[in-house]
Amino acid sequence: MTERPKRADARRNAENLLAAAARVFVRSGVDAPIRDIAGEAVVGTATIYRHYPTRADLVIAVYRHQVEACAEAGPALLAAESSPHTALARWMELFADFLVTKHGLAAALGSEDPQFAALHAYFVERLVPVCADLLAAAVAAGEIGSGVGAYELMRGAGNLCIGAGDDPRYDARRLVGILVAGLRTA
């Protein structure tokens, strides 16, 4: 039996719940009380448990939702921006934001919970091709050289984002912007 697509209001409610959970996870970590997430989403705790029976289910859903949002942004930026390099730069800003705000999820993802094991592979499989498409478009436009691979660029950005932590003086997004600007050919 095939699953029926969600109604528009059900999709909006799910989006709202995942966005609220992400905000709470960023503020308080993945061990934040479910009642805090329910309050942020303006739903009852039973609603959260109905959709996500365990905390791991909710963490995984938030992570996957945010990976999807980042993946979908790539083609949209390429279509909307004035140049492929600008689209790449904007996408890398979103990618940096994604990485920096994942500090709450990082503890869970680094845990021994087997439910989290496949998430890194999902992240790589979903986002590396998006970055590769953006890089290829910028190379084809003559805006950057062809020597940098998507995984390499994403790994470099990731390493810059690690330093963010709780230091308000550390601007990972700015550093990633410098990295991307350094790709320019002229």
N, C-alpha and C. Protein backbone atom coordinates (compact mmCIF):
# COMPACT_ATOMS: atom_id res chain seq x y z
N MET A 1 0.84 -1.18 0.00
CA MET A 1 0.00 0.00 0.00
C MET A 1 0.89 1.25 0.00
N THR A 2 0.60 2.19 -0.88
CA THR A 2 1.40 3.40 -0.94
C THR A 2 0.89 4.41 0.08
N GLU A 3 1.83 5.18 0.58
CA GLU A 3 1.49 6.20 1.58
C GLU A 3 0.92 7.42 0.87
N ARG A 4 -0.19 7.91 1.40
CA ARG A 4 -0.80 9.12 0.82
C ARG A 4 0.04 10.33 1.16
N PRO A 5 0.13 11.29 0.23
CA PRO A 5 0.88 12.51 0.55
C PRO A 5 0.16 13.30 1.65
N LYS A 6 0.97 13.99 2.44
CA LYS A 6 0.40 14.81 3.52
C LYS A 6 -0.36 16.00 2.95
N ARG A 7 -1.40 16.38 3.64
CA ARG A 7 -2.12 17.60 3.29
C ARG A 7 -1.19 18.79 3.54
N ALA A 8 -1.50 19.89 2.87
CA ALA A 8 -0.67 21.10 2.99
C ALA A 8 -0.56 21.56 4.44
N ASP A 9 -1.66 21.55 5.18
CA ASP A 9 -1.60 21.99 6.58
C ASP A 9 -0.79 21.02 7.43
N ALA A 10 -0.85 19.74 7.14
CA ALA A 10 -0.05 18.76 7.88
C ALA A 10 1.43 18.96 7.59
N ARG A 11 1.76 19.27 6.34
CA ARG A 11 3.16 19.54 5.99
C ARG A 11 3.66 20.80 6.71
N ARG A 12 2.82 21.84 6.74
CA ARG A 12 3.21 23.07 7.45
C ARG A 12 3.42 22.80 8.93
N ASN A 13 2.53 22.01 9.53
CA ASN A 13 2.66 21.69 10.95
C ASN A 13 3.94 20.91 11.22
N ALA A 14 4.25 19.96 10.33
CA ALA A 14 5.48 19.18 10.49
C ALA A 14 6.70 20.09 10.36
N GLU A 15 6.68 20.99 9.38
CA GLU A 15 7.78 21.95 9.19
C GLU A 15 7.95 22.82 10.44
N ASN A 16 6.84 23.30 10.98
CA ASN A 16 6.86 24.14 12.17
C ASN A 16 7.46 23.38 13.35
N LEU A 17 7.06 22.14 13.52
CA LEU A 17 7.56 21.34 14.62
C LEU A 17 9.07 21.10 14.49
N LEU A 18 9.52 20.75 13.29
CA LEU A 18 10.95 20.50 13.09
C LEU A 18 11.77 21.78 13.24
N ALA A 19 11.25 22.90 12.76
CA ALA A 19 11.95 24.18 12.92
C ALA A 19 12.04 24.57 14.40
N ALA A 20 10.96 24.35 15.13
CA ALA A 20 10.96 24.66 16.56
C ALA A 20 11.95 23.77 17.30
N ALA A 21 11.97 22.49 16.96
CA ALA A 21 12.91 21.57 17.60
C ALA A 21 14.34 21.99 17.30
N ALA A 22 14.61 22.39 16.07
CA ALA A 22 15.96 22.83 15.71
C ALA A 22 16.38 24.05 16.53
N ARG A 23 15.47 25.01 16.68
CA ARG A 23 15.80 26.21 17.47
C ARG A 23 16.11 25.83 18.92
N VAL A 24 15.30 24.96 19.48
CA VAL A 24 15.53 24.54 20.87
C VAL A 24 16.83 23.76 20.99
N PHE A 25 17.11 22.88 20.02
CA PHE A 25 18.36 22.12 20.05
C PHE A 25 19.56 23.05 19.99
N VAL A 26 19.49 24.10 19.18
CA VAL A 26 20.60 25.05 19.08
C VAL A 26 20.81 25.75 20.42
N ARG A 27 19.71 26.16 21.03
CA ARG A 27 19.80 26.88 22.32
C ARG A 27 20.22 25.98 23.47
N SER A 28 19.63 24.78 23.53
CA SER A 28 19.74 23.97 24.75
C SER A 28 20.32 22.59 24.55
N GLY A 29 20.63 22.23 23.32
CA GLY A 29 21.15 20.89 23.06
C GLY A 29 20.03 19.89 22.83
N VAL A 30 20.41 18.71 22.37
CA VAL A 30 19.40 17.71 22.01
C VAL A 30 18.73 17.07 23.21
N ASP A 31 19.24 17.33 24.39
CA ASP A 31 18.62 16.78 25.59
C ASP A 31 17.60 17.74 26.20
N ALA A 32 17.27 18.81 25.50
CA ALA A 32 16.28 19.77 26.00
C ALA A 32 14.95 19.05 26.24
N PRO A 33 14.22 19.48 27.24
CA PRO A 33 12.94 18.84 27.52
C PRO A 33 11.97 18.96 26.34
N ILE A 34 11.24 17.90 26.10
CA ILE A 34 10.25 17.88 25.02
C ILE A 34 9.22 18.98 25.24
N ARG A 35 8.92 19.30 26.47
CA ARG A 35 7.94 20.37 26.74
C ARG A 35 8.44 21.72 26.21
N ASP A 36 9.77 21.93 26.20
CA ASP A 36 10.32 23.16 25.64
C ASP A 36 10.09 23.21 24.13
N ILE A 37 10.28 22.08 23.47
CA ILE A 37 10.04 22.01 22.03
C ILE A 37 8.56 22.21 21.74
N ALA A 38 7.71 21.58 22.53
CA ALA A 38 6.26 21.72 22.36
C ALA A 38 5.85 23.18 22.55
N GLY A 39 6.42 23.85 23.53
CA GLY A 39 6.11 25.26 23.76
C GLY A 39 6.55 26.13 22.60
N GLU A 40 7.72 25.86 22.08
CA GLU A 40 8.25 26.61 20.93
C GLU A 40 7.39 26.40 19.69
N ALA A 41 6.90 25.17 19.52
CA ALA A 41 6.08 24.83 18.34
C ALA A 41 4.60 25.12 18.55
N VAL A 42 4.24 25.45 19.78
CA VAL A 42 2.85 25.70 20.16
C VAL A 42 1.98 24.46 19.84
N VAL A 43 2.46 23.32 20.33
CA VAL A 43 1.72 22.05 20.23
C VAL A 43 1.86 21.35 21.57
N GLY A 44 1.06 20.33 21.77
CA GLY A 44 1.18 19.52 22.98
C GLY A 44 2.31 18.52 22.84
N THR A 45 2.83 18.07 23.97
CA THR A 45 3.90 17.07 23.93
C THR A 45 3.41 15.78 23.28
N ALA A 46 2.14 15.47 23.44
CA ALA A 46 1.60 14.24 22.82
C ALA A 46 1.72 14.31 21.29
N THR A 47 1.59 15.49 20.73
CA THR A 47 1.73 15.65 19.28
C THR A 47 3.15 15.28 18.85
N ILE A 48 4.12 15.73 19.61
CA ILE A 48 5.52 15.40 19.29
C ILE A 48 5.73 13.90 19.38
N TYR A 49 5.27 13.30 20.48
CA TYR A 49 5.48 11.86 20.65
C TYR A 49 4.69 11.03 19.64
N ARG A 50 3.60 11.53 19.15
CA ARG A 50 2.83 10.81 18.13
C ARG A 50 3.63 10.73 16.83
N HIS A 51 4.32 11.80 16.49
CA HIS A 51 5.11 11.82 15.26
C HIS A 51 6.52 11.26 15.45
N TYR A 52 7.08 11.48 16.62
CA TYR A 52 8.46 11.08 16.91
C TYR A 52 8.49 10.38 18.27
N PRO A 53 8.26 9.06 18.28
CA PRO A 53 8.13 8.33 19.54
C PRO A 53 9.36 8.41 20.46
N THR A 54 10.55 8.60 19.88
CA THR A 54 11.75 8.71 20.70
C THR A 54 12.49 10.01 20.37
N ARG A 55 13.32 10.42 21.27
CA ARG A 55 14.14 11.62 21.04
C ARG A 55 15.03 11.41 19.82
N ALA A 56 15.56 10.20 19.67
CA ALA A 56 16.40 9.91 18.51
C ALA A 56 15.63 10.12 17.22
N ASP A 57 14.37 9.72 17.19
CA ASP A 57 13.54 9.92 16.00
C ASP A 57 13.43 11.41 15.67
N LEU A 58 13.25 12.22 16.70
CA LEU A 58 13.12 13.67 16.49
C LEU A 58 14.44 14.28 16.03
N VAL A 59 15.54 13.90 16.65
CA VAL A 59 16.86 14.42 16.26
C VAL A 59 17.14 14.07 14.80
N ILE A 60 16.89 12.84 14.43
CA ILE A 60 17.12 12.40 13.05
C ILE A 60 16.24 13.19 12.09
N ALA A 61 14.97 13.39 12.44
CA ALA A 61 14.06 14.14 11.56
C ALA A 61 14.52 15.58 11.40
N VAL A 62 14.97 16.21 12.47
CA VAL A 62 15.46 17.60 12.38
C VAL A 62 16.68 17.66 11.48
N TYR A 63 17.61 16.76 11.70
CA TYR A 63 18.83 16.74 10.91
C TYR A 63 18.51 16.54 9.43
N ARG A 64 17.69 15.55 9.12
CA ARG A 64 17.34 15.26 7.72
C ARG A 64 16.61 16.44 7.09
N HIS A 65 15.73 17.07 7.85
CA HIS A 65 14.98 18.23 7.35
C HIS A 65 15.94 19.36 6.98
N GLN A 66 16.92 19.59 7.82
CA GLN A 66 17.86 20.68 7.55
C GLN A 66 18.82 20.34 6.42
N VAL A 67 19.19 19.09 6.28
CA VAL A 67 20.00 18.68 5.14
C VAL A 67 19.22 18.91 3.85
N GLU A 68 17.94 18.52 3.85
CA GLU A 68 17.10 18.71 2.67
C GLU A 68 16.96 20.19 2.31
N ALA A 69 16.77 21.03 3.31
CA ALA A 69 16.65 22.47 3.05
C ALA A 69 17.93 23.01 2.41
N CYS A 70 19.06 22.57 2.89
CA CYS A 70 20.34 23.01 2.32
C CYS A 70 20.50 22.48 0.90
N ALA A 71 20.12 21.24 0.68
CA ALA A 71 20.22 20.64 -0.66
C ALA A 71 19.31 21.35 -1.65
N GLU A 72 18.11 21.66 -1.26
CA GLU A 72 17.17 22.33 -2.15
C GLU A 72 17.58 23.76 -2.45
N ALA A 73 18.33 24.38 -1.55
CA ALA A 73 18.76 25.76 -1.77
C ALA A 73 19.75 25.89 -2.91
N GLY A 74 20.56 24.87 -3.15
CA GLY A 74 21.59 24.96 -4.20
C GLY A 74 21.04 25.29 -5.57
N PRO A 75 20.15 24.45 -6.12
CA PRO A 75 19.59 24.76 -7.44
C PRO A 75 18.80 26.07 -7.47
N ALA A 76 18.11 26.36 -6.37
CA ALA A 76 17.34 27.60 -6.31
C ALA A 76 18.25 28.82 -6.39
N LEU A 77 19.36 28.78 -5.68
CA LEU A 77 20.32 29.89 -5.72
C LEU A 77 20.96 30.01 -7.10
N LEU A 78 21.28 28.88 -7.69
CA LEU A 78 21.90 28.90 -9.02
C LEU A 78 20.96 29.55 -10.04
N ALA A 79 19.67 29.30 -9.89
CA ALA A 79 18.69 29.90 -10.80
C ALA A 79 18.44 31.37 -10.50
N ALA A 80 18.59 31.78 -9.24
CA ALA A 80 18.20 33.12 -8.84
C ALA A 80 19.35 34.14 -8.84
N GLU A 81 20.56 33.69 -8.62
CA GLU A 81 21.67 34.62 -8.47
C GLU A 81 22.22 35.09 -9.82
N SER A 82 22.93 36.21 -9.79
CA SER A 82 23.47 36.81 -11.01
C SER A 82 24.64 36.03 -11.59
N SER A 83 25.32 35.25 -10.76
CA SER A 83 26.45 34.47 -11.26
C SER A 83 26.55 33.17 -10.47
N PRO A 84 27.14 32.14 -11.06
CA PRO A 84 27.34 30.89 -10.34
C PRO A 84 28.22 31.05 -9.10
N HIS A 85 29.25 31.91 -9.18
CA HIS A 85 30.10 32.11 -8.00
C HIS A 85 29.29 32.73 -6.87
N THR A 86 28.42 33.67 -7.17
CA THR A 86 27.57 34.26 -6.14
C THR A 86 26.65 33.20 -5.54
N ALA A 87 26.09 32.34 -6.39
CA ALA A 87 25.23 31.25 -5.91
C ALA A 87 26.03 30.33 -4.99
N LEU A 88 27.25 29.99 -5.40
CA LEU A 88 28.12 29.14 -4.58
C LEU A 88 28.40 29.82 -3.24
N ALA A 89 28.75 31.09 -3.27
CA ALA A 89 29.05 31.82 -2.04
C ALA A 89 27.85 31.85 -1.10
N ARG A 90 26.68 32.11 -1.64
CA ARG A 90 25.46 32.14 -0.82
C ARG A 90 25.16 30.75 -0.25
N TRP A 91 25.34 29.70 -1.07
CA TRP A 91 25.09 28.34 -0.59
C TRP A 91 26.08 27.96 0.50
N MET A 92 27.32 28.37 0.33
CA MET A 92 28.32 28.06 1.36
C MET A 92 28.01 28.79 2.66
N GLU A 93 27.40 29.99 2.58
CA GLU A 93 26.95 30.67 3.80
C GLU A 93 25.88 29.84 4.50
N LEU A 94 24.92 29.33 3.73
CA LEU A 94 23.88 28.47 4.30
C LEU A 94 24.49 27.20 4.89
N PHE A 95 25.44 26.63 4.18
CA PHE A 95 26.12 25.43 4.65
C PHE A 95 26.86 25.72 5.96
N ALA A 96 27.54 26.86 6.04
CA ALA A 96 28.23 27.23 7.28
C ALA A 96 27.24 27.41 8.42
N ASP A 97 26.12 28.08 8.14
CA ASP A 97 25.09 28.24 9.18
C ASP A 97 24.61 26.88 9.66
N PHE A 98 24.38 25.97 8.71
CA PHE A 98 23.95 24.62 9.03
C PHE A 98 24.96 23.95 9.96
N LEU A 99 26.25 24.03 9.61
CA LEU A 99 27.27 23.37 10.41
C LEU A 99 27.41 23.99 11.80
N VAL A 100 27.41 25.31 11.86
CA VAL A 100 27.59 25.99 13.15
C VAL A 100 26.41 25.71 14.08
N THR A 101 25.21 25.68 13.54
CA THR A 101 24.05 25.47 14.40
C THR A 101 23.85 24.02 14.78
N LYS A 102 24.67 23.14 14.26
CA LYS A 102 24.52 21.73 14.57
C LYS A 102 25.26 21.32 15.83
N HIS A 103 25.76 22.28 16.59
CA HIS A 103 26.51 21.89 17.79
C HIS A 103 25.66 21.04 18.72
N GLY A 104 24.39 21.29 18.80
CA GLY A 104 23.52 20.47 19.64
C GLY A 104 23.34 19.07 19.08
N LEU A 105 23.30 18.96 17.77
CA LEU A 105 23.13 17.65 17.16
C LEU A 105 24.44 16.88 17.14
N ALA A 106 25.55 17.57 17.19
CA ALA A 106 26.85 16.91 17.09
C ALA A 106 27.04 15.88 18.20
N ALA A 107 26.62 16.21 19.39
CA ALA A 107 26.78 15.26 20.50
C ALA A 107 25.99 13.99 20.22
N ALA A 108 24.79 14.16 19.72
CA ALA A 108 23.97 12.99 19.42
C ALA A 108 24.56 12.21 18.25
N LEU A 109 25.01 12.91 17.25
CA LEU A 109 25.56 12.24 16.07
C LEU A 109 26.86 11.51 16.40
N GLY A 110 27.58 12.00 17.37
CA GLY A 110 28.82 11.34 17.77
C GLY A 110 28.59 10.24 18.79
N SER A 111 27.37 10.06 19.21
CA SER A 111 27.07 9.05 20.21
C SER A 111 27.14 7.65 19.61
N GLU A 112 26.99 6.69 20.45
CA GLU A 112 27.04 5.29 20.02
C GLU A 112 25.69 4.79 19.52
N ASP A 113 24.68 5.64 19.50
CA ASP A 113 23.34 5.23 19.08
C ASP A 113 23.37 4.81 17.61
N PRO A 114 23.01 3.55 17.31
CA PRO A 114 23.08 3.08 15.92
C PRO A 114 22.12 3.82 14.98
N GLN A 115 21.09 4.45 15.52
CA GLN A 115 20.16 5.20 14.67
C GLN A 115 20.84 6.38 13.99
N PHE A 116 21.93 6.87 14.56
CA PHE A 116 22.61 8.04 14.01
C PHE A 116 23.70 7.67 13.01
N ALA A 117 24.04 6.41 12.93
CA ALA A 117 25.18 5.96 12.12
C ALA A 117 25.05 6.35 10.64
N ALA A 118 23.87 6.27 10.07
CA ALA A 118 23.70 6.52 8.64
C ALA A 118 23.58 8.00 8.30
N LEU A 119 23.47 8.87 9.29
CA LEU A 119 23.23 10.28 9.00
C LEU A 119 24.39 10.98 8.30
N HIS A 120 25.61 10.65 8.67
CA HIS A 120 26.74 11.30 8.01
C HIS A 120 26.78 10.91 6.53
N ALA A 121 26.56 9.65 6.25
CA ALA A 121 26.53 9.20 4.85
C ALA A 121 25.42 9.91 4.09
N TYR A 122 24.27 10.05 4.71
CA TYR A 122 23.14 10.76 4.09
C TYR A 122 23.54 12.21 3.79
N PHE A 123 24.17 12.86 4.75
CA PHE A 123 24.64 14.24 4.62
C PHE A 123 25.57 14.35 3.40
N VAL A 124 26.55 13.47 3.32
CA VAL A 124 27.52 13.50 2.22
C VAL A 124 26.84 13.21 0.89
N GLU A 125 26.02 12.16 0.84
CA GLU A 125 25.35 11.77 -0.41
C GLU A 125 24.41 12.86 -0.92
N ARG A 126 23.81 13.59 -0.02
CA ARG A 126 22.83 14.60 -0.41
C ARG A 126 23.47 15.94 -0.75
N LEU A 127 24.50 16.35 0.00
CA LEU A 127 25.04 17.70 -0.16
C LEU A 127 26.25 17.81 -1.07
N VAL A 128 27.08 16.80 -1.15
CA VAL A 128 28.26 16.89 -2.02
C VAL A 128 27.85 17.11 -3.48
N PRO A 129 26.85 16.39 -4.02
CA PRO A 129 26.46 16.66 -5.40
C PRO A 129 25.93 18.08 -5.63
N VAL A 130 25.28 18.65 -4.65
CA VAL A 130 24.77 20.02 -4.77
C VAL A 130 25.96 20.98 -4.88
N CYS A 131 26.92 20.82 -4.00
CA CYS A 131 28.12 21.66 -4.03
C CYS A 131 28.88 21.44 -5.34
N ALA A 132 28.95 20.20 -5.80
CA ALA A 132 29.65 19.89 -7.06
C ALA A 132 28.98 20.60 -8.23
N ASP A 133 27.66 20.62 -8.26
CA ASP A 133 26.94 21.32 -9.33
C ASP A 133 27.23 22.81 -9.31
N LEU A 134 27.26 23.40 -8.12
CA LEU A 134 27.56 24.82 -7.99
C LEU A 134 28.99 25.12 -8.44
N LEU A 135 29.92 24.28 -8.02
CA LEU A 135 31.31 24.45 -8.44
C LEU A 135 31.44 24.31 -9.95
N ALA A 136 30.80 23.30 -10.53
CA ALA A 136 30.88 23.08 -11.98
C ALA A 136 30.32 24.27 -12.75
N ALA A 137 29.24 24.85 -12.26
CA ALA A 137 28.66 26.01 -12.93
C ALA A 137 29.62 27.20 -12.86
N ALA A 138 30.26 27.39 -11.72
CA ALA A 138 31.21 28.50 -11.58
C ALA A 138 32.45 28.28 -12.45
N VAL A 139 32.90 27.03 -12.56
CA VAL A 139 34.03 26.71 -13.44
C VAL A 139 33.63 26.97 -14.89
N ALA A 140 32.45 26.49 -15.29
CA ALA A 140 31.98 26.67 -16.67
C ALA A 140 31.84 28.15 -17.03
N ALA A 141 31.49 28.97 -16.04
CA ALA A 141 31.35 30.41 -16.28
C ALA A 141 32.72 31.12 -16.26
N GLY A 142 33.77 30.38 -15.95
CA GLY A 142 35.11 30.98 -15.90
C GLY A 142 35.35 31.81 -14.66
N GLU A 143 34.52 31.62 -13.64
CA GLU A 143 34.65 32.43 -12.42
C GLU A 143 35.64 31.85 -11.42
N ILE A 144 35.83 30.54 -11.47
CA ILE A 144 36.79 29.89 -10.58
C ILE A 144 37.57 28.86 -11.38
N GLY A 145 38.70 28.47 -10.85
CA GLY A 145 39.49 27.42 -11.49
C GLY A 145 38.89 26.05 -11.20
N SER A 146 39.41 25.03 -11.85
CA SER A 146 38.82 23.70 -11.72
C SER A 146 39.54 22.81 -10.72
N GLY A 147 40.39 23.35 -9.88
CA GLY A 147 41.20 22.51 -9.01
C GLY A 147 40.61 22.08 -7.70
N VAL A 148 39.43 22.53 -7.34
CA VAL A 148 38.86 22.21 -6.02
C VAL A 148 37.64 21.33 -6.20
N GLY A 149 37.60 20.24 -5.43
CA GLY A 149 36.44 19.35 -5.45
C GLY A 149 35.43 19.75 -4.39
N ALA A 150 34.21 19.30 -4.57
CA ALA A 150 33.12 19.65 -3.65
C ALA A 150 33.39 19.14 -2.24
N TYR A 151 33.77 17.89 -2.12
CA TYR A 151 34.01 17.33 -0.78
C TYR A 151 35.14 18.09 -0.09
N GLU A 152 36.18 18.40 -0.84
CA GLU A 152 37.32 19.14 -0.30
C GLU A 152 36.89 20.52 0.20
N LEU A 153 36.10 21.22 -0.59
CA LEU A 153 35.61 22.55 -0.20
C LEU A 153 34.72 22.46 1.04
N MET A 154 33.82 21.49 1.03
CA MET A 154 32.92 21.34 2.17
C MET A 154 33.68 20.95 3.43
N ARG A 155 34.69 20.12 3.28
CA ARG A 155 35.51 19.72 4.42
C ARG A 155 36.27 20.92 4.98
N GLY A 156 36.81 21.76 4.07
CA GLY A 156 37.50 22.97 4.50
C GLY A 156 36.56 23.90 5.26
N ALA A 157 35.36 24.09 4.72
CA ALA A 157 34.37 24.93 5.41
C ALA A 157 34.01 24.33 6.76
N GLY A 158 33.86 23.02 6.78
CA GLY A 158 33.54 22.35 8.04
C GLY A 158 34.60 22.58 9.10
N ASN A 159 35.86 22.51 8.68
CA ASN A 159 36.95 22.75 9.62
C ASN A 159 36.95 24.18 10.14
N LEU A 160 36.59 25.13 9.28
CA LEU A 160 36.48 26.52 9.74
C LEU A 160 35.33 26.69 10.72
N CYS A 161 34.27 25.95 10.54
CA CYS A 161 33.08 26.07 11.40
C CYS A 161 33.28 25.43 12.77
N ILE A 162 34.19 24.48 12.87
CA ILE A 162 34.44 23.81 14.15
C ILE A 162 34.87 24.82 15.20
N GLY A 163 35.62 25.82 14.81
CA GLY A 163 36.13 26.79 15.77
C GLY A 163 35.09 27.72 16.36
N ALA A 164 33.88 27.73 15.80
CA ALA A 164 32.86 28.69 16.25
C ALA A 164 32.50 28.48 17.71
N GLY A 165 32.15 27.26 18.08
CA GLY A 165 31.79 26.99 19.47
C GLY A 165 30.88 28.05 20.05
N ASP A 166 31.22 28.49 21.23
CA ASP A 166 30.43 29.51 21.91
C ASP A 166 31.13 30.86 21.93
N ASP A 167 32.12 31.05 21.08
CA ASP A 167 32.87 32.29 21.03
C ASP A 167 32.20 33.27 20.07
N PRO A 168 31.55 34.31 20.58
CA PRO A 168 30.84 35.24 19.70
C PRO A 168 31.77 36.04 18.79
N ARG A 169 33.08 36.04 19.09
CA ARG A 169 34.03 36.77 18.25
C ARG A 169 34.45 35.97 17.02
N TYR A 170 34.16 34.68 17.03
CA TYR A 170 34.56 33.81 15.93
C TYR A 170 33.43 33.79 14.90
N ASP A 171 33.70 34.29 13.72
CA ASP A 171 32.68 34.38 12.67
C ASP A 171 32.98 33.37 11.57
N ALA A 172 32.47 32.17 11.74
CA ALA A 172 32.73 31.09 10.79
C ALA A 172 32.20 31.44 9.40
N ARG A 173 31.05 32.08 9.36
CA ARG A 173 30.46 32.44 8.07
C ARG A 173 31.41 33.37 7.29
N ARG A 174 32.01 34.33 7.97
CA ARG A 174 32.95 35.25 7.33
C ARG A 174 34.17 34.50 6.81
N LEU A 175 34.68 33.58 7.61
CA LEU A 175 35.85 32.80 7.20
C LEU A 175 35.54 31.91 6.00
N VAL A 176 34.35 31.32 5.98
CA VAL A 176 33.94 30.52 4.83
C VAL A 176 33.81 31.42 3.60
N GLY A 177 33.34 32.65 3.79
CA GLY A 177 33.25 33.61 2.69
C GLY A 177 34.63 33.93 2.12
N ILE A 178 35.62 34.06 2.99
CA ILE A 178 36.98 34.30 2.52
C ILE A 178 37.49 33.09 1.73
N LEU A 179 37.19 31.91 2.21
CA LEU A 179 37.58 30.68 1.51
C LEU A 179 36.99 30.65 0.10
N VAL A 180 35.71 30.93 0.00
CA VAL A 180 35.04 30.90 -1.31
C VAL A 180 35.54 32.03 -2.20
N ALA A 181 35.78 33.20 -1.64
CA ALA A 181 36.32 34.31 -2.44
C ALA A 181 37.68 33.95 -3.01
N GLY A 182 38.44 33.15 -2.27
CA GLY A 182 39.75 32.74 -2.73
C GLY A 182 39.73 31.80 -3.93
N LEU A 183 38.57 31.27 -4.25
CA LEU A 183 38.43 30.40 -5.43
C LEU A 183 38.38 31.18 -6.73
N ARG A 184 38.06 32.46 -6.65
CA ARG A 184 37.91 33.29 -7.85
C ARG A 184 39.16 33.30 -8.71
N THR A 185 38.97 33.28 -10.01
CA THR A 185 40.11 33.31 -10.93
C THR A 185 40.62 34.72 -11.19
N ALA A 186 39.75 35.69 -11.06
CA ALA A 186 40.20 37.07 -11.31
C ALA A 186 39.49 38.03 -10.39
